[in-house]
Protein backbone atom coordinates (compact mmCIF):
# COMPACT_ATOMS: atom_id res chain seq x y z
CA UNK A 1 12.34 33.77 -15.16
CA UNK A 2 15.43 35.81 -14.31
CA UNK A 3 13.27 38.92 -14.43
CA UNK A 4 10.89 37.27 -11.98
CA UNK A 5 13.52 36.87 -9.28
CA UNK A 6 15.10 40.27 -9.88
CA UNK A 7 11.71 41.94 -9.69
CA UNK A 8 10.32 40.14 -6.68
CA UNK A 9 13.35 39.27 -4.57
CA UNK A 10 12.93 40.36 -0.96
CA UNK A 11 13.92 43.88 -0.01
CA UNK A 12 14.30 45.08 3.56
CA UNK A 13 14.05 48.86 3.74
CA UNK A 14 12.68 48.58 7.26
CA UNK A 15 14.52 48.89 10.53
CA UNK A 16 14.83 45.33 11.83
CA UNK A 17 16.41 46.47 15.05
CA UNK A 18 13.01 47.62 16.25
CA UNK A 19 9.79 45.69 16.72
CA UNK A 20 7.90 48.45 14.95
CA UNK A 21 9.87 47.91 11.76
CA UNK A 22 9.23 44.18 11.75
CA UNK A 23 5.49 44.55 12.39
CA UNK A 24 5.17 47.27 9.77
CA UNK A 25 6.86 45.14 7.12
CA UNK A 26 4.79 42.08 7.96
CA UNK A 27 1.43 43.81 7.81
CA UNK A 28 2.36 45.72 4.66
CA UNK A 29 3.10 42.40 3.00
CA UNK A 30 0.06 40.43 4.13
CA UNK A 31 -2.52 43.13 3.52
CA UNK A 32 -2.27 42.37 -0.21
CA UNK A 33 -3.09 38.75 0.53
CA UNK A 34 -6.15 39.27 2.66
CA UNK A 35 -7.35 42.53 1.17
CA UNK A 36 -9.96 40.75 -0.93
CA UNK A 37 -11.66 39.11 2.03
CA UNK A 38 -13.58 42.18 3.27
CA UNK A 39 -14.69 42.90 -0.29
CA UNK A 40 -15.97 39.35 -0.70
CA UNK A 41 -17.73 39.56 2.66
CA UNK A 42 -19.61 42.66 1.55
CA UNK A 43 -20.53 41.04 -1.76
CA UNK A 44 -21.54 37.66 -0.36
CA UNK A 45 -22.34 37.67 3.33
CA UNK A 46 -24.46 40.80 3.67
CA UNK A 47 -26.99 39.85 0.97
CA UNK A 48 -27.07 36.28 2.30
CA UNK A 49 -27.94 37.44 5.77
CA UNK A 50 -30.80 39.42 4.32
CA UNK A 51 -32.04 36.59 2.17
CA UNK A 52 -32.25 33.75 4.63
CA UNK A 53 -30.60 31.81 1.81
CA UNK A 54 -32.61 28.79 0.79
CA UNK A 55 -30.40 26.79 -1.53
CA UNK A 56 -32.41 25.74 -4.55
CA UNK A 57 -31.19 23.04 -6.93
CA UNK A 58 -29.50 25.30 -9.42
CA UNK A 59 -27.49 22.62 -11.15
CA UNK A 60 -30.39 21.39 -13.26
CA UNK A 61 -31.22 24.89 -14.48
CA UNK A 62 -27.86 26.57 -15.01
CA UNK A 63 -26.83 26.90 -18.68
CA UNK A 64 -23.58 25.27 -19.72
CA UNK A 65 -22.19 28.64 -20.78
CA UNK A 66 -22.01 29.48 -17.08
CA UNK A 67 -18.78 27.46 -16.89
CA UNK A 68 -17.03 29.65 -19.48
CA UNK A 69 -15.50 32.01 -16.87
CA UNK A 70 -14.10 29.00 -14.98
CA UNK A 71 -12.52 27.51 -18.10
CA UNK A 72 -11.31 30.93 -19.20
CA UNK A 73 -9.59 31.62 -15.89
CA UNK A 74 -7.87 28.23 -15.81
CA UNK A 75 -6.67 28.65 -19.39
CA UNK A 76 -5.41 32.13 -18.52
CA UNK A 77 -3.41 30.67 -15.63
CA UNK A 78 -1.96 28.03 -17.95
CA UNK A 79 -1.18 30.22 -20.96
CA UNK A 80 -0.34 33.75 -19.79
CA UNK A 81 2.78 32.79 -17.76
CA UNK A 82 4.20 31.16 -20.89
CA UNK A 83 3.41 33.84 -23.45
CA UNK A 84 3.30 37.04 -21.36
CA UNK A 85 5.66 36.29 -18.45
CA UNK A 86 6.74 39.89 -17.74
CA UNK A 87 3.17 41.15 -17.73
CA UNK A 88 1.85 38.17 -15.80
CA UNK A 89 4.35 38.33 -12.93
CA UNK A 90 2.69 41.34 -11.33
CA UNK A 91 0.14 40.66 -8.62
CA UNK A 92 -1.95 43.54 -9.92
CA UNK A 93 -2.34 41.93 -13.35
CA UNK A 94 -3.10 38.54 -11.85
CA UNK A 95 -5.79 40.17 -9.72
CA UNK A 96 -7.26 41.89 -12.77
CA UNK A 97 -7.47 38.59 -14.65
CA UNK A 98 -9.14 36.87 -11.69
CA UNK A 99 -11.56 39.76 -11.21
CA UNK A 100 -12.38 39.97 -14.91
CA UNK A 101 -13.41 36.33 -15.11
CA UNK A 102 -15.22 36.47 -11.73
CA UNK A 103 -17.45 39.46 -12.43
CA UNK A 104 -19.89 37.66 -14.78
CA UNK A 105 -20.52 35.00 -12.11
CA UNK A 106 -20.93 37.56 -9.32
CA UNK A 107 -23.37 39.61 -11.40
CA UNK A 108 -25.28 36.52 -12.54
CA UNK A 109 -25.72 35.05 -9.05
CA UNK A 110 -26.19 38.24 -7.05
CA UNK A 111 -28.30 40.36 -9.40
CA UNK A 112 -30.12 37.96 -11.72
CA UNK A 113 -30.55 34.79 -9.64
CA UNK A 114 -30.47 36.27 -6.13
CA UNK A 115 -28.67 33.11 -5.01
CA UNK A 116 -26.17 33.80 -2.23
CA UNK A 117 -25.67 30.51 -0.40
CA UNK A 118 -23.24 28.97 -2.94
CA UNK A 119 -21.13 32.12 -2.74
CA UNK A 120 -21.11 31.99 1.05
CA UNK A 121 -19.92 28.37 1.00
CA UNK A 122 -17.21 29.27 -1.48
CA UNK A 123 -16.07 32.21 0.64
CA UNK A 124 -15.79 30.04 3.75
CA UNK A 125 -13.68 27.48 1.90
CA UNK A 126 -11.52 30.19 0.36
CA UNK A 127 -10.68 31.76 3.72
CA UNK A 128 -9.80 28.37 5.24
CA UNK A 129 -7.76 27.43 2.16
CA UNK A 130 -5.71 30.64 2.10
CA UNK A 131 -5.22 30.64 5.86
CA UNK A 132 -3.64 27.18 5.74
CA UNK A 133 -1.48 27.81 2.68
CA UNK A 134 -0.42 31.23 3.94
CA UNK A 135 0.60 29.92 7.36
CA UNK A 136 2.49 26.93 5.95
CA UNK A 137 4.21 29.18 3.41
CA UNK A 138 5.23 31.82 5.95
CA UNK A 139 6.39 29.41 8.65
CA UNK A 140 8.26 27.01 6.37
CA UNK A 141 9.87 30.03 4.70
CA UNK A 142 11.54 30.73 8.05
CA UNK A 143 13.29 27.34 8.12
CA UNK A 144 16.62 27.36 6.30
CA UNK A 145 18.79 24.32 5.62
CA UNK A 146 22.35 24.99 4.49
CA UNK A 147 25.26 22.62 4.01
CA UNK A 148 27.12 20.50 1.49
CA UNK A 149 27.03 16.72 1.86
CA UNK A 150 28.69 14.13 -0.34
CA UNK A 151 26.72 14.05 -3.60
CA UNK A 152 26.42 10.28 -3.78
CA UNK A 153 23.37 8.48 -5.19
CA UNK A 154 22.54 7.22 -1.69
CA UNK A 155 22.55 10.74 -0.20
CA UNK A 156 20.44 12.10 -3.06
CA UNK A 157 17.93 9.26 -2.73
CA UNK A 158 17.75 9.90 1.02
CA UNK A 159 17.04 13.60 0.32
CA UNK A 160 14.08 12.67 -1.87
CA UNK A 161 12.77 10.08 0.59
CA UNK A 162 12.86 12.63 3.43
CA UNK A 163 11.09 15.14 1.19
CA UNK A 164 8.35 12.63 0.36
CA UNK A 165 7.58 12.25 4.07
CA UNK A 166 8.04 15.93 4.94
CA UNK A 167 5.59 16.97 2.21
CA UNK A 168 2.79 15.41 4.24
CA UNK A 169 3.64 17.53 7.28
CA UNK A 170 4.38 20.98 5.86
CA UNK A 171 2.91 20.63 2.39
CA UNK A 172 4.57 20.13 -0.97
CA UNK A 173 5.32 23.86 -1.23
CA UNK A 174 6.95 24.02 2.20
CA UNK A 175 9.00 20.85 1.66
CA UNK A 176 10.14 22.08 -1.74
CA UNK A 177 11.19 25.44 -0.35
CA UNK A 178 13.19 23.88 2.47
CA UNK A 179 14.94 21.06 0.60
CA UNK A 180 15.64 22.13 -2.99
CA UNK A 181 18.48 24.54 -2.19
CA UNK A 182 20.49 22.22 0.10
CA UNK A 183 20.05 19.41 -2.43
CA UNK A 184 21.39 21.58 -5.25
CA UNK A 185 24.18 22.83 -2.99
CA UNK A 186 25.15 19.23 -2.23
CA UNK A 187 25.40 18.45 -5.95
CA UNK A 188 27.06 21.67 -7.12
CA UNK A 189 30.42 19.95 -7.79
CA UNK A 190 28.77 17.47 -10.19
CA UNK A 191 28.06 18.14 -13.86
CA UNK A 192 25.36 15.57 -14.66
CA UNK A 193 22.53 16.63 -12.36
CA UNK A 194 19.75 17.72 -14.70
CA UNK A 195 17.65 14.76 -13.63
CA UNK A 196 17.78 15.67 -9.93
CA UNK A 197 15.32 18.63 -10.01
CA UNK A 198 13.02 16.57 -12.25
CA UNK A 199 12.70 13.74 -9.74
CA UNK A 200 12.49 16.33 -6.97
CA UNK A 201 9.39 17.76 -8.67
CA UNK A 202 7.93 14.28 -9.16
CA UNK A 203 8.47 13.12 -5.58
CA UNK A 204 8.69 16.09 -3.21
CA UNK A 205 6.63 18.73 -5.02
CA UNK A 206 3.76 16.40 -5.92
CA UNK A 207 3.41 12.68 -5.19
CA UNK A 208 4.95 12.89 -1.73
CA UNK A 209 2.08 14.97 -0.36
CA UNK A 210 -0.63 12.32 -0.70
CA UNK A 211 -1.14 11.16 2.87
CA UNK A 212 -2.60 14.18 4.70
CA UNK A 213 -4.78 17.19 3.90
CA UNK A 214 -1.71 19.31 4.68
CA UNK A 215 0.19 17.68 1.83
CA UNK A 216 -1.49 19.10 -1.26
CA UNK A 217 -4.19 21.76 -1.87
CA UNK A 218 -6.81 19.40 -3.38
CA UNK A 219 -6.67 17.15 -0.34
CA UNK A 220 -7.15 20.10 1.98
CA UNK A 221 -10.17 21.19 -0.02
CA UNK A 222 -11.47 17.65 0.39
CA UNK A 223 -10.95 17.98 4.14
CA UNK A 224 -12.95 21.22 4.09
CA UNK A 225 -15.70 19.36 2.20
CA UNK A 226 -15.99 16.68 4.89
CA UNK A 227 -13.21 14.14 4.27
CA UNK A 228 -11.84 13.03 7.68
CA UNK A 229 -8.27 14.18 8.36
CA UNK A 230 -6.80 10.68 8.55
CA UNK A 231 -8.83 9.20 5.69
CA UNK A 232 -6.03 9.99 3.21
CA UNK A 233 -3.82 7.48 5.05
CA UNK A 234 -5.87 4.87 3.18
CA UNK A 235 -3.89 5.97 0.12
CA UNK A 236 -0.66 4.75 1.73
CA UNK A 237 -0.28 1.57 -0.41
CA UNK A 238 -0.45 3.55 -3.67
CA UNK A 239 1.76 6.31 -2.23
CA UNK A 240 4.38 3.85 -1.01
CA UNK A 241 4.38 1.96 -4.31
CA UNK A 242 4.87 5.15 -6.35
CA UNK A 243 7.56 6.52 -4.04
CA UNK A 244 9.51 3.24 -3.96
CA UNK A 245 9.34 2.84 -7.75
CA UNK A 246 10.45 6.43 -8.36
CA UNK A 247 13.25 6.26 -5.79
CA UNK A 248 14.48 3.01 -7.34
CA UNK A 249 14.53 4.50 -10.85
CA UNK A 250 16.21 7.64 -9.54
CA UNK A 251 18.90 5.70 -7.67
CA UNK A 252 19.74 3.54 -10.69
CA UNK A 253 19.90 6.53 -13.04
CA UNK A 254 21.76 8.78 -10.61
CA UNK A 255 24.30 6.04 -10.00
CA UNK A 256 24.91 5.70 -13.74
CA UNK A 257 25.41 9.47 -14.04
CA UNK A 258 27.64 9.57 -10.97
CA UNK A 259 29.99 7.04 -12.57
CA UNK A 260 30.33 9.33 -15.59
CA UNK A 261 31.52 12.30 -13.52
CA UNK A 262 35.16 13.26 -13.87
CA UNK A 263 37.63 12.18 -11.21
CA UNK A 264 38.39 15.84 -10.49
CA UNK A 265 34.72 16.61 -9.81
CA UNK A 266 34.33 13.59 -7.53
CA UNK A 267 37.47 14.52 -5.57
CA UNK A 268 36.24 18.12 -5.29
CA UNK A 269 32.90 16.89 -3.98
CA UNK A 270 34.58 14.61 -1.44
CA UNK A 271 36.73 17.45 -0.07
CA UNK A 272 33.95 20.06 0.16
CA UNK A 273 31.85 18.65 2.97
CA UNK A 274 29.80 20.93 5.20
CA UNK A 275 27.33 19.55 7.77
CA UNK A 276 23.69 20.51 7.37
CA UNK A 277 22.81 23.53 9.48
CA UNK A 278 19.22 24.39 10.36
CA UNK A 279 18.26 28.00 10.99
CA UNK A 280 14.85 28.90 12.39
CA UNK A 281 14.23 25.73 14.40
CA UNK A 282 11.47 27.35 16.45
CA UNK A 283 9.32 27.31 13.34
CA UNK A 284 8.92 23.54 13.64
CA UNK A 285 6.93 24.12 16.83
CA UNK A 286 4.77 26.66 15.04
CA UNK A 287 4.15 24.18 12.24
CA UNK A 288 2.99 21.79 14.93
CA UNK A 289 0.52 24.45 16.04
CA UNK A 290 -0.87 24.69 12.51
CA UNK A 291 -1.28 20.92 12.35
CA UNK A 292 -3.09 20.85 15.70
CA UNK A 293 -5.41 23.67 14.61
CA UNK A 294 -6.39 21.60 11.56
CA UNK A 295 -6.85 18.43 13.61
CA UNK A 296 -9.19 20.21 16.02
CA UNK A 297 -11.03 22.20 13.35
CA UNK A 298 -14.43 20.89 14.39
CA UNK A 299 -13.95 22.34 17.88
CA UNK A 300 -12.28 25.61 16.91
CA UNK A 301 -14.56 26.83 14.12
CA UNK A 302 -13.37 30.13 12.70
CA UNK A 303 -10.84 30.48 15.53
CA UNK A 304 -8.69 28.10 13.45
CA UNK A 305 -7.89 30.79 10.89
CA UNK A 306 -7.10 33.31 13.63
CA UNK A 307 -4.67 30.83 15.19
CA UNK A 308 -2.96 30.26 11.85
CA UNK A 309 -2.60 34.00 11.29
CA UNK A 310 -1.19 34.47 14.79
CA UNK A 311 1.33 31.66 14.27
CA UNK A 312 2.40 33.24 10.97
CA UNK A 313 2.99 36.59 12.66
CA UNK A 314 4.99 34.95 15.44
CA UNK A 315 7.06 33.04 12.87
CA UNK A 316 7.88 36.14 10.87
CA UNK A 317 8.83 37.97 14.05
CA UNK A 318 11.14 35.33 15.56
CA UNK A 319 12.78 34.08 12.34
CA UNK A 320 16.38 35.30 11.93
CA UNK A 321 16.64 37.48 8.86
CA UNK A 322 19.51 35.34 7.53
CA UNK A 323 17.03 32.44 7.25
CA UNK A 324 14.69 34.50 5.08
CA UNK A 325 17.62 35.77 3.03
CA UNK A 326 18.95 32.24 2.54
CA UNK A 327 15.53 31.14 1.26
CA UNK A 328 15.04 34.25 -0.91
CA UNK A 329 11.79 34.56 1.02
CA UNK A 330 9.13 37.01 -0.13
CA UNK A 331 5.35 37.15 -0.17
CA UNK A 332 4.87 37.30 -3.93
CA UNK A 333 3.98 33.59 -4.42
CA UNK A 334 1.31 33.52 -1.72
CA UNK A 335 -0.18 36.78 -2.99
CA UNK A 336 -0.42 35.17 -6.42
CA UNK A 337 -2.19 32.14 -4.97
CA UNK A 338 -4.58 34.31 -2.94
CA UNK A 339 -5.58 36.43 -5.93
CA UNK A 340 -5.96 33.64 -8.46
CA UNK A 341 -7.79 31.30 -6.13
CA UNK A 342 -10.21 34.07 -5.22
CA UNK A 343 -11.24 33.97 -8.87
CA UNK A 344 -11.18 30.18 -9.04
CA UNK A 345 -13.40 29.75 -6.00
CA UNK A 346 -15.98 32.10 -7.56
CA UNK A 347 -15.92 30.90 -11.17
CA UNK A 348 -15.98 27.20 -10.31
CA UNK A 349 -19.38 27.47 -8.57
CA UNK A 350 -21.52 26.87 -11.72
CA UNK A 351 -19.31 23.96 -12.82
CA UNK A 352 -19.63 22.30 -9.43
CA UNK A 353 -23.40 22.77 -9.29
CA UNK A 354 -23.89 21.43 -12.82
CA UNK A 355 -21.72 18.38 -12.22
CA UNK A 356 -23.42 17.64 -8.92
CA UNK A 357 -26.83 17.72 -10.57
CA UNK A 358 -26.05 16.06 -13.90
CA UNK A 359 -22.95 14.00 -13.23
CA UNK A 360 -24.70 10.65 -13.33
CA UNK A 361 -25.52 10.97 -17.03
CA UNK A 362 -22.01 11.62 -18.38
CA UNK A 363 -20.93 7.99 -18.55
CA UNK A 364 -17.93 8.45 -16.25
CA UNK A 365 -18.40 5.98 -13.43
CA UNK A 366 -15.36 3.69 -13.24
CA UNK A 367 -12.39 4.30 -10.92
CA UNK A 368 -9.88 4.27 -13.78
CA UNK A 369 -11.92 6.89 -15.64
CA UNK A 370 -11.93 9.20 -12.62
CA UNK A 371 -8.21 8.62 -12.03
CA UNK A 372 -7.19 9.52 -15.57
CA UNK A 373 -9.71 12.30 -16.22
CA UNK A 374 -8.85 14.02 -12.94
CA UNK A 375 -5.16 13.49 -13.58
CA UNK A 376 -5.10 14.73 -17.16
CA UNK A 377 -6.90 17.95 -16.25
CA UNK A 378 -4.69 18.36 -13.18
CA UNK A 379 -1.66 18.20 -15.48
CA UNK A 380 -2.60 21.34 -17.36
CA UNK A 381 -5.02 23.21 -15.16
CA UNK A 382 -4.90 23.48 -11.38
CA UNK A 383 -5.32 20.27 -9.43
CA UNK A 384 -7.33 21.84 -6.58
CA UNK A 385 -10.43 22.94 -8.56
CA UNK A 386 -10.09 19.84 -10.73
CA UNK A 387 -10.38 17.72 -7.60
CA UNK A 388 -13.54 19.54 -6.50
CA UNK A 389 -15.05 19.24 -9.95
CA UNK A 390 -14.66 15.48 -10.09
CA UNK A 391 -15.75 14.88 -6.51
CA UNK A 392 -18.94 16.70 -7.49
CA UNK A 393 -19.22 14.42 -10.50
CA UNK A 394 -18.76 11.37 -8.27
CA UNK A 395 -21.50 12.64 -5.96
CA UNK A 396 -23.79 12.92 -8.97
CA UNK A 397 -23.03 9.34 -10.00
CA UNK A 398 -24.46 8.12 -6.68
CA UNK A 399 -27.38 10.60 -6.70
CA UNK A 400 -26.22 12.40 -3.58
CA UNK A 401 -27.61 15.81 -2.69
CA UNK A 402 -25.95 18.78 -4.44
CA UNK A 403 -24.56 20.13 -1.17
CA UNK A 404 -23.66 16.71 0.26
CA UNK A 405 -20.51 16.41 2.34
CA UNK A 406 -17.75 14.24 0.90
CA UNK A 407 -18.14 12.18 4.06
CA UNK A 408 -21.45 11.04 2.56
CA UNK A 409 -19.52 9.82 -0.49
CA UNK A 410 -17.13 7.86 1.74
CA UNK A 411 -19.87 6.26 3.81
CA UNK A 412 -22.30 5.66 0.93
CA UNK A 413 -20.65 2.46 -0.32
CA UNK A 414 -17.22 0.93 -0.99
CA UNK A 415 -17.69 1.76 -4.67
CA UNK A 416 -18.26 5.44 -3.89
CA UNK A 417 -15.24 5.58 -1.61
CA UNK A 418 -13.12 3.99 -4.33
CA UNK A 419 -14.05 6.82 -6.69
CA UNK A 420 -12.85 9.35 -4.13
CA UNK A 421 -9.57 7.45 -3.82
CA UNK A 422 -9.14 7.50 -7.59
CA UNK A 423 -9.85 11.24 -7.75
CA UNK A 424 -7.43 11.99 -4.91
CA UNK A 425 -4.64 9.95 -6.48
CA UNK A 426 -5.19 11.42 -9.92
CA UNK A 427 -5.19 15.02 -8.70
CA UNK A 428 -2.03 14.66 -6.60
CA UNK A 429 0.00 12.23 -8.71
CA UNK A 430 -0.56 13.82 -12.11
CA UNK A 431 0.09 17.33 -10.92
CA UNK A 432 3.68 16.24 -11.64
CA UNK A 433 3.03 15.81 -15.37
CA UNK A 434 3.82 19.41 -16.30
CA UNK A 435 5.38 22.57 -14.89
CA UNK A 436 1.93 24.09 -14.40
CA UNK A 437 0.27 21.09 -12.75
CA UNK A 438 1.12 22.19 -9.19
CA UNK A 439 2.38 25.43 -7.69
CA UNK A 440 5.84 24.24 -6.50
CA UNK A 441 6.83 22.87 -9.93
CA UNK A 442 7.71 26.21 -11.51
CA UNK A 443 9.35 27.34 -8.27
CA UNK A 444 11.73 24.37 -8.27
CA UNK A 445 12.47 24.94 -11.96
CA UNK A 446 13.33 28.60 -11.35
CA UNK A 447 15.51 27.93 -8.30
CA UNK A 448 17.36 25.20 -10.20
CA UNK A 449 18.03 27.56 -13.10
CA UNK A 450 19.32 30.14 -10.63
CA UNK A 451 21.80 27.49 -9.51
CA UNK A 452 23.01 26.95 -13.10
CA UNK A 453 21.07 23.74 -13.74
CA UNK A 454 19.81 23.63 -17.32
CA UNK A 455 16.18 22.61 -17.02
CA UNK A 456 14.13 21.18 -19.90
CA UNK A 457 11.56 23.29 -21.72
CA UNK A 458 7.85 23.01 -20.99
CA UNK A 459 7.34 20.21 -23.50
CA UNK A 460 10.77 18.73 -22.79
CA UNK A 461 9.74 18.28 -19.17
CA UNK A 462 6.51 16.61 -20.27
CA UNK A 463 8.52 14.13 -22.34
CA UNK A 464 10.37 13.09 -19.17
CA UNK A 465 7.13 12.84 -17.19
CA UNK A 466 5.43 10.72 -19.85
CA UNK A 467 8.36 8.31 -20.13
CA UNK A 468 8.94 7.99 -16.37
CA UNK A 469 5.55 8.52 -14.73
CA UNK A 470 2.92 7.19 -17.12
CA UNK A 471 4.05 3.53 -16.89
CA UNK A 472 3.73 3.79 -13.11
CA UNK A 473 0.30 5.41 -13.45
CA UNK A 474 -0.81 2.43 -15.54
CA UNK A 475 0.19 0.16 -12.65
CA UNK A 476 -1.87 2.30 -10.26
CA UNK A 477 -4.79 2.07 -12.71
CA UNK A 478 -4.68 -1.71 -12.69
CA UNK A 479 -4.62 -1.72 -8.89
CA UNK A 480 -7.62 0.63 -8.69
CA UNK A 481 -9.63 -1.33 -11.23
CA UNK A 482 -8.90 -4.92 -10.29
CA UNK A 483 -7.30 -5.14 -6.83
CA UNK A 484 -9.44 -2.77 -4.74
């Protein structure tokens, strides 16, 4: 991972004393993110306009081999970073992988089936998805927290609790970017801190972002599919229970490790106190603008994405360069997300259609089954497409139309709504089970290693997650099955 940060750390060859230099840098960076959108529009929208686009029920007729590109792409995302890290950490190669798996689906739908409507729907969701993630990433990247507080168990627990709440406002990625460095800085005088980034990943990078569509990508995709913005607040009891249990375990363990620190380290920590300083405060107002644009989506239409892009440009322009430097800010991660999710949104179309049409016959119909199946796949694949796949399966269980809004699932019956709750909890909670379950996990690992924290291996991390998280997931299962 050292190569990753050396290769993609931010460079500023532009003249920041002039507006022209700032604008030129910004647009040079973002053109790689949005460069695929015109291509997709040509491929999808133009034929659809010509076709009139009646959406036939493809799910009953598509062969199962049509899901191979989807599975192949997800496995590529899971395996290539582990076995070919130097090759993988180039946006060009990521784009080639996404394009390679996408081409069979594009050819099959456009040339052989002449079906354009599913591609149009996928394009619309992709643009909305990337616009939100890109704006949250850019704006939160302009907020820098620096300082060195007393590294006591109470302070560390408070850090995690704040992160759990903040993740619902600026997303798990944004909250992780803002908080991980000051938390590591606070604990730099201590020796026994390996557990701190682990619980940070559990709480801030994953489980914390359960309460709003802004919190985690699968929930935002659910919002795009018709889930009301405030519906996720119904998950508050499970969220609060998980957060309280994890914070309690963390506090007890951190306290035991704190007592084992040397007297010299404790005295050094007590004498090196620096108040928290926030740079880039104006970005909080811009984040508020993003939130409002999501809240009023039904009135704004496609203007929402334009507003998010404008807020991102403003943020990049007004953010002091020391804030970006402090955060090691660069556009590589969001380019990676844009490229890979372009492929995911294309290749997942057959899987979604098949599950929507045939989901009722697979024997998965209990809340606990949806919770664990969604969660297990979210642990090793990506939780966003996993969420969509199982919401489609839930729609099939209740014989809803293939293109039904998820609002129909919520309003169909209490049993149907319970399945959506189970899917949402599984996708968000169990993204914490492995380094590849959710995008911020690897980022926190890498930043921690940069700060001389020895992180566990891929399977070592999973051992921690199984021991700590799985017992709590069993409690959530019992609640879903018997108390709701």
